[in-house]
Amino acid sequence: MKKRILSFLGVAAFVVASLSSCMTVNSGASITNTTLGSKTGVAESTIFLGLWSSKGEQNDLKKAAENGGIKKVNHVEYVNKAFLGGLVIKHTTRVYGD
């Protein structure tokens, strides 16, 4: 009976850990004494199994700047949200500038 309970708890812990989600924010650098700018541009994609992206190579700094009509980039922000234990990742590139 103890083995069955321990097995069940082990499987339950694995399932909970696999389905948990996490988020990271990496601004790339420390910014002081600067303005973010009057415009914001965003490019997003979803990455499956670390192999395939829903937008291909279209989720980069250049595409985000184009989407916001930004000619001069002041600040860049990358956000990754992982789902299903990292099997699916939503990657967002956000740029600020003028």
N, C-alpha and C. Protein backbone atom coordinates (compact mmCIF):
# COMPACT_ATOMS: atom_id res chain seq x y z
N MET A 1 0.81 -1.19 0.00
CA MET A 1 0.00 0.00 0.00
C MET A 1 0.87 1.27 0.00
N LYS A 2 1.99 1.23 0.79
CA LYS A 2 2.87 2.39 0.83
C LYS A 2 3.49 2.66 -0.54
N LYS A 3 3.88 1.61 -1.25
CA LYS A 3 4.47 1.78 -2.58
C LYS A 3 3.47 2.43 -3.53
N ARG A 4 2.23 2.02 -3.41
CA ARG A 4 1.19 2.58 -4.30
C ARG A 4 0.98 4.07 -4.03
N ILE A 5 0.96 4.45 -2.76
CA ILE A 5 0.79 5.85 -2.40
C ILE A 5 2.00 6.67 -2.85
N LEU A 6 3.20 6.15 -2.63
CA LEU A 6 4.41 6.86 -3.07
C LEU A 6 4.46 6.98 -4.59
N SER A 7 4.05 5.94 -5.28
CA SER A 7 4.01 6.01 -6.74
C SER A 7 3.02 7.07 -7.20
N PHE A 8 1.86 7.09 -6.58
CA PHE A 8 0.84 8.09 -6.94
C PHE A 8 1.36 9.50 -6.68
N LEU A 9 1.99 9.72 -5.51
CA LEU A 9 2.53 11.04 -5.20
C LEU A 9 3.64 11.44 -6.17
N GLY A 10 4.46 10.49 -6.57
CA GLY A 10 5.51 10.78 -7.53
C GLY A 10 4.95 11.20 -8.88
N VAL A 11 3.95 10.47 -9.35
CA VAL A 11 3.31 10.80 -10.62
C VAL A 11 2.61 12.15 -10.52
N ALA A 12 1.93 12.41 -9.41
CA ALA A 12 1.23 13.69 -9.22
C ALA A 12 2.23 14.84 -9.22
N ALA A 13 3.35 14.67 -8.54
CA ALA A 13 4.37 15.73 -8.52
C ALA A 13 4.93 15.98 -9.91
N PHE A 14 5.16 14.92 -10.68
CA PHE A 14 5.65 15.07 -12.05
C PHE A 14 4.65 15.82 -12.92
N VAL A 15 3.38 15.49 -12.81
CA VAL A 15 2.34 16.15 -13.61
C VAL A 15 2.25 17.62 -13.25
N VAL A 16 2.26 17.93 -11.97
CA VAL A 16 2.18 19.33 -11.54
C VAL A 16 3.39 20.10 -12.04
N ALA A 17 4.58 19.54 -11.93
CA ALA A 17 5.79 20.21 -12.41
C ALA A 17 5.77 20.39 -13.92
N SER A 18 5.23 19.44 -14.65
CA SER A 18 5.19 19.52 -16.11
C SER A 18 4.20 20.56 -16.60
N LEU A 19 3.13 20.75 -15.88
CA LEU A 19 2.10 21.68 -16.33
C LEU A 19 2.27 23.07 -15.75
N SER A 20 3.27 23.27 -14.95
CA SER A 20 3.48 24.60 -14.38
C SER A 20 4.04 25.53 -15.45
N SER A 21 3.93 26.80 -15.22
CA SER A 21 4.34 27.81 -16.19
C SER A 21 5.35 28.74 -15.53
N CYS A 22 6.23 29.32 -16.33
CA CYS A 22 7.16 30.30 -15.79
C CYS A 22 7.34 31.42 -16.80
N MET A 23 7.88 32.54 -16.34
CA MET A 23 8.08 33.69 -17.20
C MET A 23 9.42 34.32 -16.85
N THR A 24 10.17 34.72 -17.86
CA THR A 24 11.42 35.43 -17.63
C THR A 24 11.39 36.75 -18.39
N VAL A 25 12.03 37.74 -17.83
CA VAL A 25 12.16 39.03 -18.50
C VAL A 25 13.64 39.36 -18.54
N ASN A 26 14.15 39.63 -19.73
CA ASN A 26 15.54 39.96 -19.92
C ASN A 26 15.61 41.24 -20.72
N SER A 27 15.96 42.33 -20.06
CA SER A 27 16.04 43.61 -20.76
C SER A 27 17.35 43.77 -21.51
N GLY A 28 18.30 42.90 -21.26
CA GLY A 28 19.54 42.93 -22.00
C GLY A 28 20.60 43.84 -21.42
N ALA A 29 20.22 44.90 -20.75
CA ALA A 29 21.21 45.83 -20.20
C ALA A 29 20.56 46.67 -19.12
N SER A 30 21.39 47.29 -18.35
CA SER A 30 20.91 48.22 -17.33
C SER A 30 20.79 49.60 -17.96
N ILE A 31 19.62 50.19 -17.89
CA ILE A 31 19.37 51.48 -18.51
C ILE A 31 19.24 52.54 -17.42
N THR A 32 20.00 53.62 -17.54
CA THR A 32 19.87 54.74 -16.61
C THR A 32 19.87 56.04 -17.42
N ASN A 33 19.15 57.00 -16.94
CA ASN A 33 19.10 58.34 -17.53
C ASN A 33 18.74 58.32 -19.01
N THR A 34 17.72 57.59 -19.37
CA THR A 34 17.26 57.56 -20.75
C THR A 34 15.74 57.51 -20.77
N THR A 35 15.16 57.92 -21.86
CA THR A 35 13.71 57.83 -22.01
C THR A 35 13.40 56.62 -22.88
N LEU A 36 12.24 56.03 -22.68
CA LEU A 36 11.86 54.87 -23.47
C LEU A 36 11.48 55.25 -24.89
N GLY A 37 10.98 56.46 -25.09
CA GLY A 37 10.55 56.87 -26.42
C GLY A 37 9.05 56.97 -26.48
N SER A 38 8.56 57.53 -27.57
CA SER A 38 7.13 57.77 -27.71
C SER A 38 6.40 56.63 -28.41
N LYS A 39 7.13 55.66 -28.97
CA LYS A 39 6.50 54.56 -29.71
C LYS A 39 6.92 53.21 -29.13
N THR A 40 6.06 52.23 -29.33
CA THR A 40 6.34 50.86 -28.90
C THR A 40 6.04 49.92 -30.05
N GLY A 41 6.94 48.98 -30.30
CA GLY A 41 6.73 47.96 -31.32
C GLY A 41 6.85 46.58 -30.71
N VAL A 42 6.02 45.65 -31.17
CA VAL A 42 6.00 44.30 -30.61
C VAL A 42 6.03 43.27 -31.73
N ALA A 43 6.81 42.21 -31.51
CA ALA A 43 6.80 41.04 -32.40
C ALA A 43 6.69 39.81 -31.50
N GLU A 44 5.78 38.90 -31.84
CA GLU A 44 5.54 37.72 -31.02
C GLU A 44 5.57 36.45 -31.85
N SER A 45 5.97 35.38 -31.22
CA SER A 45 5.89 34.07 -31.85
C SER A 45 5.75 33.01 -30.76
N THR A 46 5.30 31.83 -31.16
CA THR A 46 5.18 30.69 -30.27
C THR A 46 6.11 29.60 -30.76
N ILE A 47 6.91 29.08 -29.86
CA ILE A 47 7.90 28.05 -30.22
C ILE A 47 7.43 26.73 -29.63
N PHE A 48 7.35 25.70 -30.48
CA PHE A 48 6.88 24.38 -30.07
C PHE A 48 8.05 23.41 -29.99
N LEU A 49 8.22 22.77 -28.86
CA LEU A 49 9.24 21.76 -28.62
C LEU A 49 10.66 22.27 -28.87
N GLY A 50 10.84 23.57 -28.90
CA GLY A 50 12.14 24.15 -29.15
C GLY A 50 12.62 23.98 -30.58
N LEU A 51 11.74 23.50 -31.45
CA LEU A 51 12.14 23.19 -32.82
C LEU A 51 11.46 24.04 -33.87
N TRP A 52 10.20 24.39 -33.65
CA TRP A 52 9.42 25.05 -34.68
C TRP A 52 8.78 26.30 -34.11
N SER A 53 8.85 27.39 -34.86
CA SER A 53 8.27 28.66 -34.44
C SER A 53 7.10 29.00 -35.33
N SER A 54 6.06 29.55 -34.72
CA SER A 54 4.85 29.89 -35.47
C SER A 54 5.09 31.03 -36.46
N LYS A 55 6.10 31.86 -36.24
CA LYS A 55 6.38 32.99 -37.12
C LYS A 55 7.72 32.87 -37.83
N GLY A 56 8.42 31.77 -37.67
CA GLY A 56 9.73 31.62 -38.29
C GLY A 56 10.72 32.62 -37.73
N GLU A 57 11.42 33.30 -38.59
CA GLU A 57 12.42 34.27 -38.18
C GLU A 57 11.84 35.68 -38.06
N GLN A 58 10.54 35.82 -38.02
CA GLN A 58 9.91 37.14 -38.02
C GLN A 58 9.77 37.75 -36.64
N ASN A 59 10.31 37.12 -35.62
CA ASN A 59 10.20 37.66 -34.27
C ASN A 59 11.56 38.14 -33.80
N ASP A 60 12.00 39.26 -34.35
CA ASP A 60 13.28 39.80 -33.96
C ASP A 60 13.17 41.31 -33.73
N LEU A 61 14.27 41.90 -33.35
CA LEU A 61 14.32 43.32 -33.05
C LEU A 61 13.88 44.17 -34.24
N LYS A 62 14.36 43.82 -35.42
CA LYS A 62 14.04 44.59 -36.63
C LYS A 62 12.53 44.56 -36.91
N LYS A 63 11.92 43.38 -36.80
CA LYS A 63 10.49 43.25 -37.07
C LYS A 63 9.67 44.02 -36.04
N ALA A 64 10.07 43.97 -34.77
CA ALA A 64 9.36 44.71 -33.73
C ALA A 64 9.44 46.22 -33.98
N ALA A 65 10.62 46.70 -34.39
CA ALA A 65 10.78 48.13 -34.70
C ALA A 65 9.92 48.52 -35.89
N GLU A 66 9.88 47.68 -36.92
CA GLU A 66 9.03 47.95 -38.09
C GLU A 66 7.55 48.00 -37.69
N ASN A 67 7.13 47.07 -36.84
CA ASN A 67 5.72 47.03 -36.41
C ASN A 67 5.32 48.28 -35.64
N GLY A 68 6.28 48.92 -34.96
CA GLY A 68 5.96 50.13 -34.21
C GLY A 68 6.32 51.41 -34.94
N GLY A 69 6.86 51.30 -36.15
CA GLY A 69 7.26 52.49 -36.90
C GLY A 69 8.42 53.22 -36.23
N ILE A 70 9.32 52.48 -35.64
CA ILE A 70 10.43 53.05 -34.87
C ILE A 70 11.70 53.08 -35.73
N LYS A 71 12.32 54.25 -35.81
CA LYS A 71 13.57 54.42 -36.56
C LYS A 71 14.78 54.39 -35.63
N LYS A 72 14.61 54.87 -34.37
CA LYS A 72 15.69 54.90 -33.40
C LYS A 72 15.24 54.13 -32.15
N VAL A 73 15.89 53.01 -31.87
CA VAL A 73 15.53 52.16 -30.74
C VAL A 73 16.26 52.63 -29.49
N ASN A 74 15.50 52.85 -28.41
CA ASN A 74 16.09 53.28 -27.14
C ASN A 74 16.19 52.14 -26.12
N HIS A 75 15.29 51.18 -26.21
CA HIS A 75 15.22 50.13 -25.19
C HIS A 75 14.59 48.89 -25.81
N VAL A 76 15.12 47.72 -25.43
CA VAL A 76 14.60 46.44 -25.94
C VAL A 76 14.23 45.56 -24.76
N GLU A 77 13.12 44.85 -24.89
CA GLU A 77 12.67 43.95 -23.82
C GLU A 77 12.28 42.62 -24.45
N TYR A 78 12.81 41.53 -23.90
CA TYR A 78 12.45 40.19 -24.35
C TYR A 78 11.69 39.50 -23.22
N VAL A 79 10.57 38.89 -23.55
CA VAL A 79 9.78 38.16 -22.56
C VAL A 79 9.51 36.76 -23.10
N ASN A 80 9.82 35.76 -22.30
CA ASN A 80 9.53 34.37 -22.65
C ASN A 80 8.60 33.79 -21.61
N LYS A 81 7.50 33.23 -22.05
CA LYS A 81 6.56 32.54 -21.16
C LYS A 81 6.54 31.09 -21.57
N ALA A 82 6.87 30.21 -20.63
CA ALA A 82 6.91 28.77 -20.91
C ALA A 82 5.64 28.10 -20.38
N PHE A 83 5.09 27.21 -21.18
CA PHE A 83 3.90 26.45 -20.81
C PHE A 83 4.19 24.96 -20.98
N LEU A 84 3.47 24.15 -20.27
CA LEU A 84 3.60 22.68 -20.37
C LEU A 84 5.03 22.24 -20.15
N GLY A 85 5.64 22.77 -19.11
CA GLY A 85 7.00 22.36 -18.78
C GLY A 85 8.04 22.78 -19.80
N GLY A 86 7.80 23.82 -20.55
CA GLY A 86 8.75 24.31 -21.54
C GLY A 86 8.56 23.73 -22.93
N LEU A 87 7.54 22.91 -23.12
CA LEU A 87 7.28 22.36 -24.45
C LEU A 87 6.77 23.42 -25.41
N VAL A 88 6.07 24.41 -24.86
CA VAL A 88 5.55 25.53 -25.66
C VAL A 88 6.05 26.81 -25.01
N ILE A 89 6.68 27.67 -25.80
CA ILE A 89 7.21 28.93 -25.30
C ILE A 89 6.67 30.08 -26.15
N LYS A 90 6.11 31.08 -25.48
CA LYS A 90 5.66 32.29 -26.19
C LYS A 90 6.76 33.33 -26.02
N HIS A 91 7.36 33.75 -27.14
CA HIS A 91 8.48 34.70 -27.13
C HIS A 91 7.98 36.04 -27.65
N THR A 92 8.21 37.10 -26.86
CA THR A 92 7.80 38.45 -27.23
C THR A 92 9.02 39.36 -27.24
N THR A 93 9.19 40.09 -28.34
CA THR A 93 10.22 41.12 -28.42
C THR A 93 9.50 42.47 -28.45
N ARG A 94 9.83 43.33 -27.51
CA ARG A 94 9.18 44.65 -27.42
C ARG A 94 10.28 45.71 -27.48
N VAL A 95 10.12 46.69 -28.39
CA VAL A 95 11.10 47.77 -28.49
C VAL A 95 10.41 49.10 -28.24
N TYR A 96 11.18 50.02 -27.66
CA TYR A 96 10.70 51.37 -27.39
C TYR A 96 11.63 52.34 -28.07
N GLY A 97 11.08 53.41 -28.62
CA GLY A 97 11.92 54.41 -29.27
C GLY A 97 11.10 55.45 -30.00
N ASP A 98 11.75 56.11 -30.93
CA ASP A 98 11.11 57.19 -31.72
C ASP A 98 11.27 56.92 -33.20
